[in-house]
Protein backbone atom coordinates (compact mmCIF):
# COMPACT_ATOMS: atom_id res chain seq x y z
CA MET A 1 42.67 -45.38 -53.51
CA PRO A 2 39.00 -44.49 -54.05
CA ASP A 3 39.09 -45.32 -57.78
CA SER A 4 40.64 -48.76 -57.28
CA LEU A 5 38.35 -49.40 -54.32
CA ARG A 6 35.34 -48.50 -56.44
CA ASP A 7 36.46 -50.97 -59.12
CA ARG A 8 36.78 -53.71 -56.51
CA ILE A 9 33.34 -53.00 -55.02
CA ASP A 10 31.72 -52.86 -58.47
CA LEU A 11 33.30 -56.18 -59.44
CA LEU A 12 32.19 -57.91 -56.23
CA ILE A 13 28.64 -56.55 -56.46
CA ASN A 14 28.33 -57.95 -59.98
CA THR A 15 29.81 -61.35 -59.09
CA PRO A 16 27.34 -64.05 -57.91
CA PRO A 17 27.98 -64.89 -54.21
CA PRO A 18 29.03 -68.51 -54.88
CA GLU A 19 31.80 -67.23 -57.15
CA ARG A 20 33.14 -64.56 -54.74
CA ASP A 21 36.17 -65.08 -52.56
CA GLU A 22 35.05 -64.42 -48.96
CA ALA A 23 38.41 -63.03 -47.86
CA GLU A 24 38.47 -60.67 -50.84
CA VAL A 25 34.94 -59.45 -50.07
CA ARG A 26 35.74 -58.88 -46.41
CA GLN A 27 38.93 -56.98 -47.28
CA ALA A 28 37.05 -54.73 -49.71
CA VAL A 29 34.37 -53.97 -47.10
CA ASP A 30 37.04 -53.28 -44.46
CA ASP A 31 38.86 -50.95 -46.87
CA LEU A 32 35.62 -49.11 -47.67
CA LEU A 33 34.77 -48.66 -43.99
CA GLY A 34 38.30 -47.43 -43.34
CA ALA A 35 37.99 -44.88 -46.15
CA LEU A 36 34.57 -43.76 -44.87
CA ASN A 37 35.90 -43.45 -41.32
CA ALA A 38 38.73 -41.26 -42.59
CA GLY A 39 36.50 -39.14 -44.82
CA ALA A 40 38.50 -40.24 -47.88
CA VAL A 41 35.31 -41.33 -49.66
CA ARG A 42 31.74 -40.12 -49.15
CA ALA A 43 28.28 -41.49 -49.87
CA ALA A 44 27.40 -38.22 -51.64
CA ALA A 45 29.26 -35.09 -52.71
CA PRO A 46 28.54 -31.79 -54.48
CA ASP A 47 29.56 -30.86 -58.01
CA ALA A 48 31.18 -27.55 -58.83
CA ASP A 49 27.72 -26.05 -59.43
CA GLY A 50 26.54 -27.11 -55.96
CA ALA A 51 24.33 -30.01 -57.10
CA TRP A 52 24.63 -33.06 -54.84
CA HIS A 53 24.92 -36.61 -56.21
CA ALA A 54 24.89 -39.98 -54.47
CA HIS A 55 27.82 -42.35 -54.96
CA SER A 56 25.89 -45.56 -55.50
CA TRP A 57 29.00 -47.76 -55.32
CA VAL A 58 29.64 -46.59 -51.75
CA LYS A 59 26.10 -47.51 -50.70
CA GLN A 60 26.39 -50.84 -52.51
CA GLY A 61 29.59 -51.52 -50.59
CA ILE A 62 27.87 -50.73 -47.28
CA LEU A 63 25.04 -53.09 -48.19
CA LEU A 64 27.63 -55.72 -49.11
CA GLY A 65 28.99 -55.42 -45.57
CA PHE A 66 25.57 -56.22 -44.15
CA GLN A 67 25.26 -59.22 -46.48
CA ILE A 68 28.50 -60.85 -45.37
CA GLY A 69 28.27 -59.91 -41.70
CA ALA A 70 27.47 -62.39 -38.94
CA MET A 71 25.89 -61.51 -35.61
CA LYS A 72 28.39 -60.85 -32.82
CA ASP A 73 28.08 -60.08 -29.13
CA TYR A 74 29.91 -56.81 -28.43
CA SER A 75 28.40 -56.41 -24.97
CA THR A 76 30.09 -55.07 -21.89
CA ARG A 77 28.67 -55.59 -18.42
CA ALA A 78 26.79 -52.29 -18.54
CA PHE A 79 26.07 -52.08 -22.27
CA PRO A 80 24.38 -54.93 -24.19
CA PHE A 81 25.25 -54.65 -27.90
CA PHE A 82 24.59 -57.25 -30.62
CA ASP A 83 25.21 -56.40 -34.28
CA LYS A 84 26.78 -57.60 -37.52
CA ASN A 85 30.49 -58.21 -37.04
CA THR A 86 31.18 -55.97 -40.04
CA TYR A 87 29.65 -52.96 -38.24
CA PRO A 88 31.05 -52.50 -34.73
CA LEU A 89 31.34 -49.10 -33.10
CA LYS A 90 33.50 -46.55 -34.87
CA PRO A 91 37.07 -46.64 -33.51
CA LEU A 92 37.79 -43.33 -31.78
CA SER A 93 40.69 -42.04 -29.74
CA MET A 94 41.73 -38.72 -28.18
CA ALA A 95 43.73 -38.02 -31.35
CA ASP A 96 40.52 -37.87 -33.40
CA GLY A 97 39.51 -34.65 -31.62
CA VAL A 98 35.84 -35.65 -31.29
CA ARG A 99 34.13 -34.72 -28.04
CA LEU A 100 31.92 -37.73 -27.26
CA VAL A 101 30.08 -37.10 -23.98
CA PRO A 102 29.14 -40.27 -22.04
CA GLY A 103 25.55 -41.35 -21.64
CA GLY A 104 24.38 -43.66 -24.43
CA SER A 105 25.75 -42.14 -27.64
CA SER A 106 26.92 -44.38 -30.50
CA ILE A 107 28.75 -43.86 -33.78
CA ARG A 108 28.76 -46.79 -36.16
CA THR A 109 31.91 -47.61 -38.05
CA GLY A 110 31.97 -46.27 -41.59
CA ALA A 111 30.85 -42.80 -40.50
CA TYR A 112 33.19 -39.81 -40.78
CA VAL A 113 33.14 -37.52 -37.75
CA ALA A 114 35.59 -34.63 -38.09
CA PRO A 115 37.75 -33.09 -35.36
CA GLY A 116 35.86 -30.57 -33.27
CA VAL A 117 32.48 -32.32 -33.55
CA VAL A 118 30.54 -32.43 -30.27
CA CYS A 119 28.25 -35.40 -29.56
CA MET A 120 25.80 -34.96 -26.65
CA PRO A 121 24.16 -38.05 -25.17
CA PRO A 122 22.19 -39.88 -26.29
CA MET A 123 22.67 -39.46 -30.03
CA TYR A 124 23.39 -41.77 -32.94
CA ILE A 125 25.39 -41.47 -36.18
CA ASN A 126 24.90 -44.29 -38.69
CA VAL A 127 27.19 -45.88 -41.28
CA GLY A 128 28.00 -43.79 -44.36
CA ALA A 129 27.22 -40.48 -42.64
CA TYR A 130 29.60 -37.53 -42.89
CA VAL A 131 29.71 -34.91 -40.13
CA ASP A 132 32.16 -32.10 -40.81
CA GLU A 133 34.30 -30.11 -38.36
CA GLY A 134 32.86 -27.92 -35.62
CA SER A 135 29.33 -29.34 -35.78
CA MET A 136 27.21 -30.35 -32.79
CA VAL A 137 24.92 -33.39 -32.64
CA ASP A 138 22.73 -32.72 -29.63
CA SER A 139 20.82 -35.11 -27.36
CA HIS A 140 18.37 -37.54 -29.02
CA ALA A 141 19.49 -36.39 -32.47
CA LEU A 142 19.92 -38.89 -35.31
CA VAL A 143 22.24 -38.63 -38.29
CA GLY A 144 20.97 -41.38 -40.60
CA SER A 145 22.93 -43.61 -42.94
CA CYS A 146 24.82 -41.65 -45.64
CA ALA A 147 23.45 -38.26 -44.47
CA GLN A 148 25.87 -35.39 -45.19
CA ILE A 149 26.36 -32.70 -42.52
CA GLY A 150 28.55 -29.66 -43.21
CA LYS A 151 30.84 -27.52 -41.08
CA HIS A 152 29.59 -25.68 -37.97
CA VAL A 153 26.11 -27.16 -38.14
CA HIS A 154 24.01 -27.29 -34.98
CA LEU A 155 21.62 -30.25 -34.85
CA SER A 156 19.47 -29.41 -31.84
CA ALA A 157 17.90 -31.92 -29.46
CA ALA A 158 15.72 -34.59 -31.10
CA ALA A 159 16.52 -33.47 -34.66
CA GLN A 160 16.08 -36.37 -37.06
CA ILE A 161 18.24 -36.42 -40.22
CA GLY A 162 16.88 -39.30 -42.28
CA GLY A 163 19.15 -41.83 -43.90
CA VAL A 164 19.01 -43.84 -47.11
CA LEU A 165 20.88 -46.90 -48.32
CA GLU A 166 18.33 -48.12 -50.87
CA PRO A 167 17.72 -47.31 -53.63
CA VAL A 168 21.46 -46.86 -54.02
CA HIS A 169 21.09 -43.97 -56.50
CA ALA A 170 18.95 -41.92 -54.08
CA THR A 171 20.66 -38.79 -52.76
CA PRO A 172 20.69 -38.64 -48.95
CA VAL A 173 19.64 -35.69 -46.84
CA VAL A 174 22.24 -32.91 -47.07
CA VAL A 175 22.76 -30.11 -44.53
CA GLU A 176 25.40 -27.66 -45.72
CA ASP A 177 27.75 -25.42 -43.70
CA ASP A 178 26.64 -23.03 -40.93
CA VAL A 179 23.06 -24.32 -40.72
CA PHE A 180 21.06 -24.23 -37.48
CA ILE A 181 18.49 -27.05 -37.14
CA GLY A 182 16.03 -26.47 -34.29
CA GLY A 183 14.82 -29.03 -31.79
CA GLY A 184 12.51 -31.74 -33.06
CA CYS A 185 13.06 -30.98 -36.75
CA GLY A 186 12.75 -33.83 -39.24
CA LEU A 187 14.58 -33.88 -42.59
CA TYR A 188 13.81 -36.81 -44.85
CA GLU A 189 13.78 -38.16 -48.43
CA GLY A 190 16.84 -36.42 -49.79
CA CYS A 191 16.00 -32.81 -49.00
CA ILE A 192 18.86 -30.29 -49.08
CA VAL A 193 19.33 -27.44 -46.61
CA ARG A 194 21.67 -24.89 -48.16
CA SER A 195 24.38 -23.06 -46.23
CA GLY A 196 23.47 -20.57 -43.53
CA ALA A 197 19.80 -21.55 -43.28
CA VAL A 198 17.93 -21.60 -39.96
CA LEU A 199 15.12 -24.07 -39.25
CA ALA A 200 12.93 -23.28 -36.25
CA PRO A 201 11.94 -26.13 -33.91
CA ASP A 202 9.54 -28.75 -35.31
CA VAL A 203 10.02 -27.97 -38.99
CA THR A 204 9.53 -31.16 -41.03
CA LEU A 205 10.66 -31.46 -44.65
CA THR A 206 10.08 -34.38 -47.03
CA ALA A 207 10.05 -34.87 -50.80
CA SER A 208 6.34 -34.01 -50.88
CA THR A 209 6.55 -30.89 -48.69
CA ARG A 210 5.50 -27.54 -50.17
CA LEU A 211 7.77 -24.82 -48.80
CA TYR A 212 6.23 -21.33 -48.96
CA ASP A 213 8.65 -18.43 -49.43
CA LEU A 214 6.84 -15.38 -48.09
CA VAL A 215 9.75 -13.09 -48.96
CA ASN A 216 9.85 -13.92 -52.66
CA GLU A 217 6.20 -15.04 -52.88
CA THR A 218 7.03 -18.42 -54.40
CA VAL A 219 6.34 -22.06 -53.57
CA ILE A 220 9.34 -24.40 -53.48
CA THR A 221 8.69 -28.07 -54.27
CA SER A 222 10.68 -31.10 -55.35
CA THR A 223 10.52 -32.77 -58.75
CA ASP A 224 11.61 -36.15 -60.08
CA ASP A 225 15.00 -34.63 -60.91
CA GLN A 226 15.31 -32.03 -58.17
CA PRO A 227 15.06 -32.57 -54.40
CA LEU A 228 13.35 -30.13 -52.09
CA GLU A 229 15.85 -27.36 -51.29
CA VAL A 230 15.87 -24.79 -48.53
CA PRO A 231 17.65 -21.73 -50.01
CA GLU A 232 20.81 -20.26 -48.53
CA ARG A 233 20.26 -18.26 -45.32
CA ALA A 234 16.51 -18.85 -45.36
CA VAL A 235 14.73 -18.77 -41.99
CA VAL A 236 12.03 -21.45 -41.93
CA VAL A 237 9.24 -21.77 -39.34
CA PRO A 238 6.29 -24.16 -39.05
CA GLY A 239 3.02 -22.80 -40.45
CA ALA A 240 -0.35 -23.89 -41.78
CA ARG A 241 -2.46 -23.40 -44.91
CA GLN A 242 -6.20 -23.71 -45.34
CA VAL A 243 -7.57 -26.90 -46.88
CA GLN A 244 -9.02 -26.00 -50.28
CA GLY A 245 -12.06 -27.44 -52.04
CA SER A 246 -13.77 -29.03 -49.06
CA ASP A 247 -16.90 -27.73 -47.38
CA PHE A 248 -16.23 -30.08 -44.48
CA ALA A 249 -12.73 -28.63 -44.01
CA ALA A 250 -14.07 -25.10 -44.22
CA GLU A 251 -16.82 -25.89 -41.73
CA HIS A 252 -14.35 -27.21 -39.20
CA GLY A 253 -11.56 -24.72 -39.92
CA LEU A 254 -9.11 -27.44 -40.94
CA SER A 255 -5.63 -26.67 -42.20
CA LEU A 256 -2.53 -28.50 -43.45
CA TYR A 257 1.04 -28.20 -42.23
CA ALA A 258 3.01 -25.69 -44.30
CA PRO A 259 6.60 -24.61 -43.53
CA LEU A 260 7.21 -20.94 -44.26
CA ILE A 261 10.30 -18.93 -45.16
CA VAL A 262 9.61 -15.77 -43.16
CA LYS A 263 12.90 -13.98 -43.82
CA TYR A 264 16.49 -14.44 -44.90
CA ARG A 265 19.23 -14.50 -42.32
CA ASP A 266 20.76 -11.16 -41.30
CA ALA A 267 22.98 -9.85 -38.50
CA LYS A 268 20.15 -10.19 -35.97
CA THR A 269 19.55 -13.86 -36.63
CA ASP A 270 23.30 -14.48 -36.65
CA ALA A 271 23.43 -13.07 -33.11
CA ALA A 272 20.56 -15.33 -32.05
CA THR A 273 22.62 -18.43 -32.86
CA VAL A 274 25.74 -17.42 -30.96
CA LEU A 275 24.60 -19.81 -28.20
CA GLU A 276 25.92 -22.78 -30.18
CA ASP A 277 29.46 -21.37 -30.03
CA ALA A 278 29.22 -21.05 -26.27
CA LEU A 279 28.31 -24.74 -26.00
CA ARG A 280 31.33 -26.00 -27.91
């Protein structure tokens, strides 16, 4: 199914709107959202060597859904809700095995949320996202469009996982298996957090962030071809570095934000994250 669906999306994207059949476009978008909801296709996936790549045709299909959608009133008496008719709430039932706690949480259709995921209110998961089994999305956390979240990940309160639809070739933020993301963390611009890593509260990572590895005495940065990566089992905390080359900065003791890898995860840090299991 994914191969034929990709061909259909590619053909429609490259056909001028006046020449497209509206019913055919709507069916292709519905099929794509159904495949995304089921986890049969993903907006990004890893290669055998662990490198992640965006599937641009999936993102183009999502954008196509926004293009053809018309505004619709989905409101209930207690919950006003107006959105494109191509993107209602994700259909969920008891059989899906997702624990969705009441109180203002929403999951947009076209997002895969695996059995055993816990969603604490209020939180939001956007179209194209993938949240694998056993993960927790805590209160005020965001999983942005096309973001990829692995198994047994804990996204603590107010964690922000940035999304990306355009440019379509841009790789989204990726959080691999068994990662603990502390409260108030922000992950943006396609950064990758490798399996088993721990981010302390308020760590922010972007494409321009310099990540200082105190253990290996190296500086980790992104390049045009390589996103910023947090290594496997790294423990990252917020830090600061002195502003260089400025008498004014030296005079006033100014510093810049600098996340630090202070250690790599061991049995002690594993024990410190047992709390997430108790909450499931």
